mmCIF file of all heavy atoms, coordinates in Angstrom:
data_MODEL
# 
_entry.id   MODEL 
# 
loop_
_atom_site.group_PDB 
_atom_site.id 
_atom_site.type_symbol 
_atom_site.label_atom_id 
_atom_site.label_alt_id 
_atom_site.label_comp_id 
_atom_site.label_asym_id 
_atom_site.label_entity_id 
_atom_site.label_seq_id 
_atom_site.pdbx_PDB_ins_code 
_atom_site.Cartn_x 
_atom_site.Cartn_y 
_atom_site.Cartn_z 
_atom_site.occupancy 
_atom_site.B_iso_or_equiv 
_atom_site.pdbx_formal_charge 
_atom_site.auth_seq_id 
_atom_site.auth_comp_id 
_atom_site.auth_asym_id 
_atom_site.auth_atom_id 
_atom_site.pdbx_PDB_model_num 
ATOM 1   N N   . TYR A 1 1  ? 1.597   1.886   4.612  1.00 0.00 ? 1  TYR A N   1 
ATOM 2   C CA  . TYR A 1 1  ? 2.242   1.617   5.896  1.00 0.00 ? 1  TYR A CA  1 
ATOM 3   C C   . TYR A 1 1  ? 3.573   0.890   5.718  1.00 0.00 ? 1  TYR A C   1 
ATOM 4   O O   . TYR A 1 1  ? 4.485   1.076   6.533  1.00 0.00 ? 1  TYR A O   1 
ATOM 5   C CB  . TYR A 1 1  ? 1.289   0.840   6.802  1.00 0.00 ? 1  TYR A CB  1 
ATOM 6   C CG  . TYR A 1 1  ? 0.163   1.713   7.290  1.00 0.00 ? 1  TYR A CG  1 
ATOM 7   C CD1 . TYR A 1 1  ? -1.053  1.783   6.597  1.00 0.00 ? 1  TYR A CD1 1 
ATOM 8   C CD2 . TYR A 1 1  ? 0.317   2.515   8.412  1.00 0.00 ? 1  TYR A CD2 1 
ATOM 9   C CE1 . TYR A 1 1  ? -2.067  2.619   7.023  1.00 0.00 ? 1  TYR A CE1 1 
ATOM 10  C CE2 . TYR A 1 1  ? -0.702  3.359   8.841  1.00 0.00 ? 1  TYR A CE2 1 
ATOM 11  C CZ  . TYR A 1 1  ? -1.884  3.403   8.150  1.00 0.00 ? 1  TYR A CZ  1 
ATOM 12  O OH  . TYR A 1 1  ? -2.887  4.250   8.559  1.00 0.00 ? 1  TYR A OH  1 
ATOM 13  N N   . ALA A 1 2  ? 3.707   0.092   4.688  1.00 0.00 ? 2  ALA A N   1 
ATOM 14  C CA  . ALA A 1 2  ? 4.987   -0.549  4.418  1.00 0.00 ? 2  ALA A CA  1 
ATOM 15  C C   . ALA A 1 2  ? 6.037   0.501   4.057  1.00 0.00 ? 2  ALA A C   1 
ATOM 16  O O   . ALA A 1 2  ? 7.179   0.446   4.519  1.00 0.00 ? 2  ALA A O   1 
ATOM 17  C CB  . ALA A 1 2  ? 4.847   -1.567  3.298  1.00 0.00 ? 2  ALA A CB  1 
ATOM 18  N N   . ALA A 1 3  ? 5.657   1.471   3.229  1.00 0.00 ? 3  ALA A N   1 
ATOM 19  C CA  . ALA A 1 3  ? 6.591   2.536   2.853  1.00 0.00 ? 3  ALA A CA  1 
ATOM 20  C C   . ALA A 1 3  ? 6.936   3.416   4.049  1.00 0.00 ? 3  ALA A C   1 
ATOM 21  O O   . ALA A 1 3  ? 8.090   3.814   4.236  1.00 0.00 ? 3  ALA A O   1 
ATOM 22  C CB  . ALA A 1 3  ? 5.986   3.387   1.728  1.00 0.00 ? 3  ALA A CB  1 
ATOM 23  N N   . ARG A 1 4  ? 5.956   3.690   4.878  1.00 0.00 ? 4  ARG A N   1 
ATOM 24  C CA  . ARG A 1 4  ? 6.178   4.571   6.029  1.00 0.00 ? 4  ARG A CA  1 
ATOM 25  C C   . ARG A 1 4  ? 7.155   3.951   7.026  1.00 0.00 ? 4  ARG A C   1 
ATOM 26  O O   . ARG A 1 4  ? 7.935   4.666   7.672  1.00 0.00 ? 4  ARG A O   1 
ATOM 27  C CB  . ARG A 1 4  ? 4.837   4.862   6.709  1.00 0.00 ? 4  ARG A CB  1 
ATOM 28  C CG  . ARG A 1 4  ? 4.917   5.862   7.859  1.00 0.00 ? 4  ARG A CG  1 
ATOM 29  C CD  . ARG A 1 4  ? 3.540   6.117   8.431  1.00 0.00 ? 4  ARG A CD  1 
ATOM 30  N NE  . ARG A 1 4  ? 2.640   6.710   7.442  1.00 0.00 ? 4  ARG A NE  1 
ATOM 31  C CZ  . ARG A 1 4  ? 1.339   6.918   7.656  1.00 0.00 ? 4  ARG A CZ  1 
ATOM 32  N NH1 . ARG A 1 4  ? 0.794   6.548   8.819  1.00 0.00 ? 4  ARG A NH1 1 
ATOM 33  N NH2 . ARG A 1 4  ? 0.585   7.462   6.723  1.00 0.00 ? 4  ARG A NH2 1 
ATOM 34  N N   . HIS A 1 5  ? 7.130   2.645   7.153  1.00 0.00 ? 5  HIS A N   1 
ATOM 35  C CA  . HIS A 1 5  ? 7.969   1.967   8.148  1.00 0.00 ? 5  HIS A CA  1 
ATOM 36  C C   . HIS A 1 5  ? 9.084   1.140   7.515  1.00 0.00 ? 5  HIS A C   1 
ATOM 37  O O   . HIS A 1 5  ? 9.647   0.257   8.176  1.00 0.00 ? 5  HIS A O   1 
ATOM 38  C CB  . HIS A 1 5  ? 7.090   1.074   9.032  1.00 0.00 ? 5  HIS A CB  1 
ATOM 39  C CG  . HIS A 1 5  ? 6.072   1.843   9.821  1.00 0.00 ? 5  HIS A CG  1 
ATOM 40  N ND1 . HIS A 1 5  ? 6.358   2.466   11.019 1.00 0.00 ? 5  HIS A ND1 1 
ATOM 41  C CD2 . HIS A 1 5  ? 4.754   2.105   9.568  1.00 0.00 ? 5  HIS A CD2 1 
ATOM 42  C CE1 . HIS A 1 5  ? 5.272   3.074   11.479 1.00 0.00 ? 5  HIS A CE1 1 
ATOM 43  N NE2 . HIS A 1 5  ? 4.280   2.874   10.620 1.00 0.00 ? 5  HIS A NE2 1 
ATOM 44  N N   . GLN A 1 6  ? 9.394   1.395   6.233  1.00 0.00 ? 6  GLN A N   1 
ATOM 45  C CA  . GLN A 1 6  ? 10.465  0.692   5.530  1.00 0.00 ? 6  GLN A CA  1 
ATOM 46  C C   . GLN A 1 6  ? 10.335  -0.833  5.687  1.00 0.00 ? 6  GLN A C   1 
ATOM 47  O O   . GLN A 1 6  ? 11.295  -1.536  5.986  1.00 0.00 ? 6  GLN A O   1 
ATOM 48  C CB  . GLN A 1 6  ? 11.848  1.132   6.016  1.00 0.00 ? 6  GLN A CB  1 
ATOM 49  C CG  . GLN A 1 6  ? 12.213  2.574   5.693  1.00 0.00 ? 6  GLN A CG  1 
ATOM 50  C CD  . GLN A 1 6  ? 11.579  3.580   6.643  1.00 0.00 ? 6  GLN A CD  1 
ATOM 51  O OE1 . GLN A 1 6  ? 11.650  3.406   7.855  1.00 0.00 ? 6  GLN A OE1 1 
ATOM 52  N NE2 . GLN A 1 6  ? 10.964  4.615   6.098  1.00 0.00 ? 6  GLN A NE2 1 
ATOM 53  N N   . GLN A 1 7  ? 9.122   -1.329  5.512  1.00 0.00 ? 7  GLN A N   1 
ATOM 54  C CA  . GLN A 1 7  ? 8.858   -2.756  5.631  1.00 0.00 ? 7  GLN A CA  1 
ATOM 55  C C   . GLN A 1 7  ? 8.822   -3.389  4.249  1.00 0.00 ? 7  GLN A C   1 
ATOM 56  O O   . GLN A 1 7  ? 8.283   -2.813  3.305  1.00 0.00 ? 7  GLN A O   1 
ATOM 57  C CB  . GLN A 1 7  ? 7.511   -2.989  6.328  1.00 0.00 ? 7  GLN A CB  1 
ATOM 58  C CG  . GLN A 1 7  ? 7.092   -4.453  6.371  1.00 0.00 ? 7  GLN A CG  1 
ATOM 59  C CD  . GLN A 1 7  ? 5.588   -4.636  6.224  1.00 0.00 ? 7  GLN A CD  1 
ATOM 60  O OE1 . GLN A 1 7  ? 4.831   -3.691  6.282  1.00 0.00 ? 7  GLN A OE1 1 
ATOM 61  N NE2 . GLN A 1 7  ? 5.168   -5.861  6.027  1.00 0.00 ? 7  GLN A NE2 1 
ATOM 62  N N   . HIS A 1 8  ? 9.423   -4.575  4.132  1.00 0.00 ? 8  HIS A N   1 
ATOM 63  C CA  . HIS A 1 8  ? 9.304   -5.320  2.878  1.00 0.00 ? 8  HIS A CA  1 
ATOM 64  C C   . HIS A 1 8  ? 7.894   -5.883  2.779  1.00 0.00 ? 8  HIS A C   1 
ATOM 65  O O   . HIS A 1 8  ? 7.410   -6.558  3.688  1.00 0.00 ? 8  HIS A O   1 
ATOM 66  C CB  . HIS A 1 8  ? 10.321  -6.469  2.836  1.00 0.00 ? 8  HIS A CB  1 
ATOM 67  C CG  . HIS A 1 8  ? 10.088  -7.404  1.683  1.00 0.00 ? 8  HIS A CG  1 
ATOM 68  N ND1 . HIS A 1 8  ? 10.323  -7.031  0.374  1.00 0.00 ? 8  HIS A ND1 1 
ATOM 69  C CD2 . HIS A 1 8  ? 9.605   -8.685  1.645  1.00 0.00 ? 8  HIS A CD2 1 
ATOM 70  C CE1 . HIS A 1 8  ? 10.010  -8.043  -0.424 1.00 0.00 ? 8  HIS A CE1 1 
ATOM 71  N NE2 . HIS A 1 8  ? 9.583   -9.055  0.319  1.00 0.00 ? 8  HIS A NE2 1 
ATOM 72  N N   . LEU A 1 9  ? 7.237   -5.603  1.666  1.00 0.00 ? 9  LEU A N   1 
ATOM 73  C CA  . LEU A 1 9  ? 5.857   -6.047  1.473  1.00 0.00 ? 9  LEU A CA  1 
ATOM 74  C C   . LEU A 1 9  ? 5.796   -7.039  0.323  1.00 0.00 ? 9  LEU A C   1 
ATOM 75  O O   . LEU A 1 9  ? 6.263   -6.755  -0.777 1.00 0.00 ? 9  LEU A O   1 
ATOM 76  C CB  . LEU A 1 9  ? 4.954   -4.850  1.171  1.00 0.00 ? 9  LEU A CB  1 
ATOM 77  C CG  . LEU A 1 9  ? 3.453   -5.138  1.055  1.00 0.00 ? 9  LEU A CG  1 
ATOM 78  C CD1 . LEU A 1 9  ? 2.884   -5.525  2.410  1.00 0.00 ? 9  LEU A CD1 1 
ATOM 79  C CD2 . LEU A 1 9  ? 2.718   -3.913  0.516  1.00 0.00 ? 9  LEU A CD2 1 
ATOM 80  N N   . ASP A 1 10 ? 5.238   -8.198  0.587  1.00 0.00 ? 10 ASP A N   1 
ATOM 81  C CA  . ASP A 1 10 ? 5.027   -9.219  -0.435 1.00 0.00 ? 10 ASP A CA  1 
ATOM 82  C C   . ASP A 1 10 ? 3.552   -9.179  -0.836 1.00 0.00 ? 10 ASP A C   1 
ATOM 83  O O   . ASP A 1 10 ? 2.703   -9.742  -0.140 1.00 0.00 ? 10 ASP A O   1 
ATOM 84  C CB  . ASP A 1 10 ? 5.421   -10.590 0.103  1.00 0.00 ? 10 ASP A CB  1 
ATOM 85  C CG  . ASP A 1 10 ? 5.351   -11.684 -0.961 1.00 0.00 ? 10 ASP A CG  1 
ATOM 86  O OD1 . ASP A 1 10 ? 4.758   -11.429 -2.027 1.00 0.00 ? 10 ASP A OD1 1 
ATOM 87  O OD2 . ASP A 1 10 ? 5.881   -12.781 -0.727 1.00 0.00 ? 10 ASP A OD2 1 
ATOM 88  N N   . ALA A 1 11 ? 3.248   -8.482  -1.939 1.00 0.00 ? 11 ALA A N   1 
ATOM 89  C CA  . ALA A 1 11 ? 1.851   -8.313  -2.353 1.00 0.00 ? 11 ALA A CA  1 
ATOM 90  C C   . ALA A 1 11 ? 1.184   -9.644  -2.642 1.00 0.00 ? 11 ALA A C   1 
ATOM 91  O O   . ALA A 1 11 ? -0.014  -9.832  -2.369 1.00 0.00 ? 11 ALA A O   1 
ATOM 92  C CB  . ALA A 1 11 ? 1.780   -7.412  -3.580 1.00 0.00 ? 11 ALA A CB  1 
ATOM 93  N N   . ASN A 1 12 ? 1.935   -10.606 -3.176 1.00 0.00 ? 12 ASN A N   1 
ATOM 94  C CA  . ASN A 1 12 ? 1.356   -11.917 -3.468 1.00 0.00 ? 12 ASN A CA  1 
ATOM 95  C C   . ASN A 1 12 ? 0.978   -12.649 -2.190 1.00 0.00 ? 12 ASN A C   1 
ATOM 96  O O   . ASN A 1 12 ? -0.055  -13.326 -2.122 1.00 0.00 ? 12 ASN A O   1 
ATOM 97  C CB  . ASN A 1 12 ? 2.345   -12.749 -4.288 1.00 0.00 ? 12 ASN A CB  1 
ATOM 98  C CG  . ASN A 1 12 ? 2.508   -12.216 -5.696 1.00 0.00 ? 12 ASN A CG  1 
ATOM 99  O OD1 . ASN A 1 12 ? 1.560   -11.753 -6.302 1.00 0.00 ? 12 ASN A OD1 1 
ATOM 100 N ND2 . ASN A 1 12 ? 3.725   -12.262 -6.212 1.00 0.00 ? 12 ASN A ND2 1 
ATOM 101 N N   . ALA A 1 13 ? 1.828   -12.522 -1.156 1.00 0.00 ? 13 ALA A N   1 
ATOM 102 C CA  . ALA A 1 13 ? 1.497   -13.152 0.132  1.00 0.00 ? 13 ALA A CA  1 
ATOM 103 C C   . ALA A 1 13 ? 0.251   -12.515 0.740  1.00 0.00 ? 13 ALA A C   1 
ATOM 104 O O   . ALA A 1 13 ? -0.587  -13.203 1.343  1.00 0.00 ? 13 ALA A O   1 
ATOM 105 C CB  . ALA A 1 13 ? 2.678   -13.041 1.093  1.00 0.00 ? 13 ALA A CB  1 
ATOM 106 N N   . ASP A 1 14 ? 0.103   -11.197 0.570  1.00 0.00 ? 14 ASP A N   1 
ATOM 107 C CA  . ASP A 1 14 ? -1.094  -10.530 1.083  1.00 0.00 ? 14 ASP A CA  1 
ATOM 108 C C   . ASP A 1 14 ? -2.346  -11.025 0.367  1.00 0.00 ? 14 ASP A C   1 
ATOM 109 O O   . ASP A 1 14 ? -3.418  -11.154 0.990  1.00 0.00 ? 14 ASP A O   1 
ATOM 110 C CB  . ASP A 1 14 ? -0.964  -9.018  0.931  1.00 0.00 ? 14 ASP A CB  1 
ATOM 111 C CG  . ASP A 1 14 ? -0.161  -8.400  2.062  1.00 0.00 ? 14 ASP A CG  1 
ATOM 112 O OD1 . ASP A 1 14 ? 0.188   -9.135  3.004  1.00 0.00 ? 14 ASP A OD1 1 
ATOM 113 O OD2 . ASP A 1 14 ? 0.128   -7.193  2.002  1.00 0.00 ? 14 ASP A OD2 1 
ATOM 114 N N   . LEU A 1 15 ? -2.245  -11.289 -0.940 1.00 0.00 ? 15 LEU A N   1 
ATOM 115 C CA  . LEU A 1 15 ? -3.395  -11.853 -1.657 1.00 0.00 ? 15 LEU A CA  1 
ATOM 116 C C   . LEU A 1 15 ? -3.765  -13.217 -1.096 1.00 0.00 ? 15 LEU A C   1 
ATOM 117 O O   . LEU A 1 15 ? -4.949  -13.534 -0.939 1.00 0.00 ? 15 LEU A O   1 
ATOM 118 C CB  . LEU A 1 15 ? -3.082  -11.963 -3.148 1.00 0.00 ? 15 LEU A CB  1 
ATOM 119 C CG  . LEU A 1 15 ? -3.120  -10.668 -3.958 1.00 0.00 ? 15 LEU A CG  1 
ATOM 120 C CD1 . LEU A 1 15 ? -2.692  -10.918 -5.397 1.00 0.00 ? 15 LEU A CD1 1 
ATOM 121 C CD2 . LEU A 1 15 ? -4.519  -10.053 -3.933 1.00 0.00 ? 15 LEU A CD2 1 
ATOM 122 N N   . VAL A 1 16 ? -2.762  -14.023 -0.765 1.00 0.00 ? 16 VAL A N   1 
ATOM 123 C CA  . VAL A 1 16 ? -3.025  -15.329 -0.146 1.00 0.00 ? 16 VAL A CA  1 
ATOM 124 C C   . VAL A 1 16 ? -3.677  -15.132 1.216  1.00 0.00 ? 16 VAL A C   1 
ATOM 125 O O   . VAL A 1 16 ? -4.623  -15.839 1.587  1.00 0.00 ? 16 VAL A O   1 
ATOM 126 C CB  . VAL A 1 16 ? -1.733  -16.151 -0.030 1.00 0.00 ? 16 VAL A CB  1 
ATOM 127 C CG1 . VAL A 1 16 ? -1.993  -17.443 0.734  1.00 0.00 ? 16 VAL A CG1 1 
ATOM 128 C CG2 . VAL A 1 16 ? -1.174  -16.471 -1.409 1.00 0.00 ? 16 VAL A CG2 1 
ATOM 129 N N   . GLY A 1 17 ? -3.158  -14.157 1.991  1.00 0.00 ? 17 GLY A N   1 
ATOM 130 C CA  . GLY A 1 17 ? -3.739  -13.893 3.303  1.00 0.00 ? 17 GLY A CA  1 
ATOM 131 C C   . GLY A 1 17 ? -5.177  -13.430 3.214  1.00 0.00 ? 17 GLY A C   1 
ATOM 132 O O   . GLY A 1 17 ? -6.035  -13.865 3.998  1.00 0.00 ? 17 GLY A O   1 
ATOM 133 N N   . LEU A 1 18 ? -5.480  -12.544 2.263  1.00 0.00 ? 18 LEU A N   1 
ATOM 134 C CA  . LEU A 1 18 ? -6.860  -12.078 2.085  1.00 0.00 ? 18 LEU A CA  1 
ATOM 135 C C   . LEU A 1 18 ? -7.757  -13.205 1.605  1.00 0.00 ? 18 LEU A C   1 
ATOM 136 O O   . LEU A 1 18 ? -8.933  -13.293 1.994  1.00 0.00 ? 18 LEU A O   1 
ATOM 137 C CB  . LEU A 1 18 ? -6.879  -10.920 1.089  1.00 0.00 ? 18 LEU A CB  1 
ATOM 138 C CG  . LEU A 1 18 ? -6.243  -9.621  1.583  1.00 0.00 ? 18 LEU A CG  1 
ATOM 139 C CD1 . LEU A 1 18 ? -5.966  -8.674  0.421  1.00 0.00 ? 18 LEU A CD1 1 
ATOM 140 C CD2 . LEU A 1 18 ? -7.149  -8.940  2.606  1.00 0.00 ? 18 LEU A CD2 1 
ATOM 141 N N   . CYS A 1 19 ? -7.215  -14.077 0.754  1.00 0.00 ? 19 CYS A N   1 
ATOM 142 C CA  . CYS A 1 19 ? -7.955  -15.248 0.298  1.00 0.00 ? 19 CYS A CA  1 
ATOM 143 C C   . CYS A 1 19 ? -8.298  -16.147 1.480  1.00 0.00 ? 19 CYS A C   1 
ATOM 144 O O   . CYS A 1 19 ? -9.448  -16.567 1.643  1.00 0.00 ? 19 CYS A O   1 
ATOM 145 C CB  . CYS A 1 19 ? -7.132  -16.009 -0.745 1.00 0.00 ? 19 CYS A CB  1 
ATOM 146 S SG  . CYS A 1 19 ? -7.722  -17.674 -1.086 1.00 0.00 ? 19 CYS A SG  1 
ATOM 147 N N   . ALA A 1 20 ? -7.303  -16.432 2.331  1.00 0.00 ? 20 ALA A N   1 
ATOM 148 C CA  . ALA A 1 20 ? -7.536  -17.298 3.494  1.00 0.00 ? 20 ALA A CA  1 
ATOM 149 C C   . ALA A 1 20 ? -8.532  -16.663 4.457  1.00 0.00 ? 20 ALA A C   1 
ATOM 150 O O   . ALA A 1 20 ? -9.401  -17.352 5.028  1.00 0.00 ? 20 ALA A O   1 
ATOM 151 C CB  . ALA A 1 20 ? -6.209  -17.570 4.197  1.00 0.00 ? 20 ALA A CB  1 
ATOM 152 N N   . ALA A 1 21 ? -8.430  -15.329 4.656  1.00 0.00 ? 21 ALA A N   1 
ATOM 153 C CA  . ALA A 1 21 ? -9.346  -14.641 5.573  1.00 0.00 ? 21 ALA A CA  1 
ATOM 154 C C   . ALA A 1 21 ? -10.785 -14.753 5.095  1.00 0.00 ? 21 ALA A C   1 
ATOM 155 O O   . ALA A 1 21 ? -11.707 -15.015 5.886  1.00 0.00 ? 21 ALA A O   1 
ATOM 156 C CB  . ALA A 1 21 ? -8.933  -13.174 5.701  1.00 0.00 ? 21 ALA A CB  1 
ATOM 157 N N   . ASN A 1 22 ? -11.014 -14.578 3.802  1.00 0.00 ? 22 ASN A N   1 
ATOM 158 C CA  . ASN A 1 22 ? -12.379 -14.681 3.283  1.00 0.00 ? 22 ASN A CA  1 
ATOM 159 C C   . ASN A 1 22 ? -12.869 -16.122 3.244  1.00 0.00 ? 22 ASN A C   1 
ATOM 160 O O   . ASN A 1 22 ? -14.066 -16.377 3.406  1.00 0.00 ? 22 ASN A O   1 
ATOM 161 C CB  . ASN A 1 22 ? -12.459 -14.032 1.903  1.00 0.00 ? 22 ASN A CB  1 
ATOM 162 C CG  . ASN A 1 22 ? -12.617 -12.526 1.987  1.00 0.00 ? 22 ASN A CG  1 
ATOM 163 O OD1 . ASN A 1 22 ? -13.706 -12.017 2.234  1.00 0.00 ? 22 ASN A OD1 1 
ATOM 164 N ND2 . ASN A 1 22 ? -11.518 -11.809 1.807  1.00 0.00 ? 22 ASN A ND2 1 
ATOM 165 N N   . ALA A 1 23 ? -11.957 -17.062 3.021  1.00 0.00 ? 23 ALA A N   1 
ATOM 166 C CA  . ALA A 1 23 ? -12.353 -18.478 3.090  1.00 0.00 ? 23 ALA A CA  1 
ATOM 167 C C   . ALA A 1 23 ? -12.816 -18.821 4.504  1.00 0.00 ? 23 ALA A C   1 
ATOM 168 O O   . ALA A 1 23 ? -13.840 -19.492 4.686  1.00 0.00 ? 23 ALA A O   1 
ATOM 169 C CB  . ALA A 1 23 ? -11.182 -19.367 2.670  1.00 0.00 ? 23 ALA A CB  1 
ATOM 170 N N   . MET A 1 24 ? -12.085 -18.349 5.522  1.00 0.00 ? 24 MET A N   1 
ATOM 171 C CA  . MET A 1 24 ? -12.488 -18.591 6.908  1.00 0.00 ? 24 MET A CA  1 
ATOM 172 C C   . MET A 1 24 ? -13.807 -17.892 7.220  1.00 0.00 ? 24 MET A C   1 
ATOM 173 O O   . MET A 1 24 ? -14.641 -18.418 7.965  1.00 0.00 ? 24 MET A O   1 
ATOM 174 C CB  . MET A 1 24 ? -11.391 -18.104 7.854  1.00 0.00 ? 24 MET A CB  1 
ATOM 175 C CG  . MET A 1 24 ? -10.123 -18.934 7.844  1.00 0.00 ? 24 MET A CG  1 
ATOM 176 S SD  . MET A 1 24 ? -10.380 -20.667 8.343  1.00 0.00 ? 24 MET A SD  1 
ATOM 177 C CE  . MET A 1 24 ? -10.425 -21.467 6.748  1.00 0.00 ? 24 MET A CE  1 
ATOM 178 N N   . ALA A 1 25 ? -14.007 -16.693 6.649  1.00 0.00 ? 25 ALA A N   1 
ATOM 179 C CA  . ALA A 1 25 ? -15.278 -15.994 6.849  1.00 0.00 ? 25 ALA A CA  1 
ATOM 180 C C   . ALA A 1 25 ? -16.432 -16.823 6.289  1.00 0.00 ? 25 ALA A C   1 
ATOM 181 O O   . ALA A 1 25 ? -17.470 -16.998 6.945  1.00 0.00 ? 25 ALA A O   1 
ATOM 182 C CB  . ALA A 1 25 ? -15.232 -14.620 6.186  1.00 0.00 ? 25 ALA A CB  1 
# 
């Protein structure tokens, strides 16, 4: 989806976001 919409994607930030989401879970 980042490629489809020419969005800058920070893979490291997404790992932090997934980490935080599972911590909250």
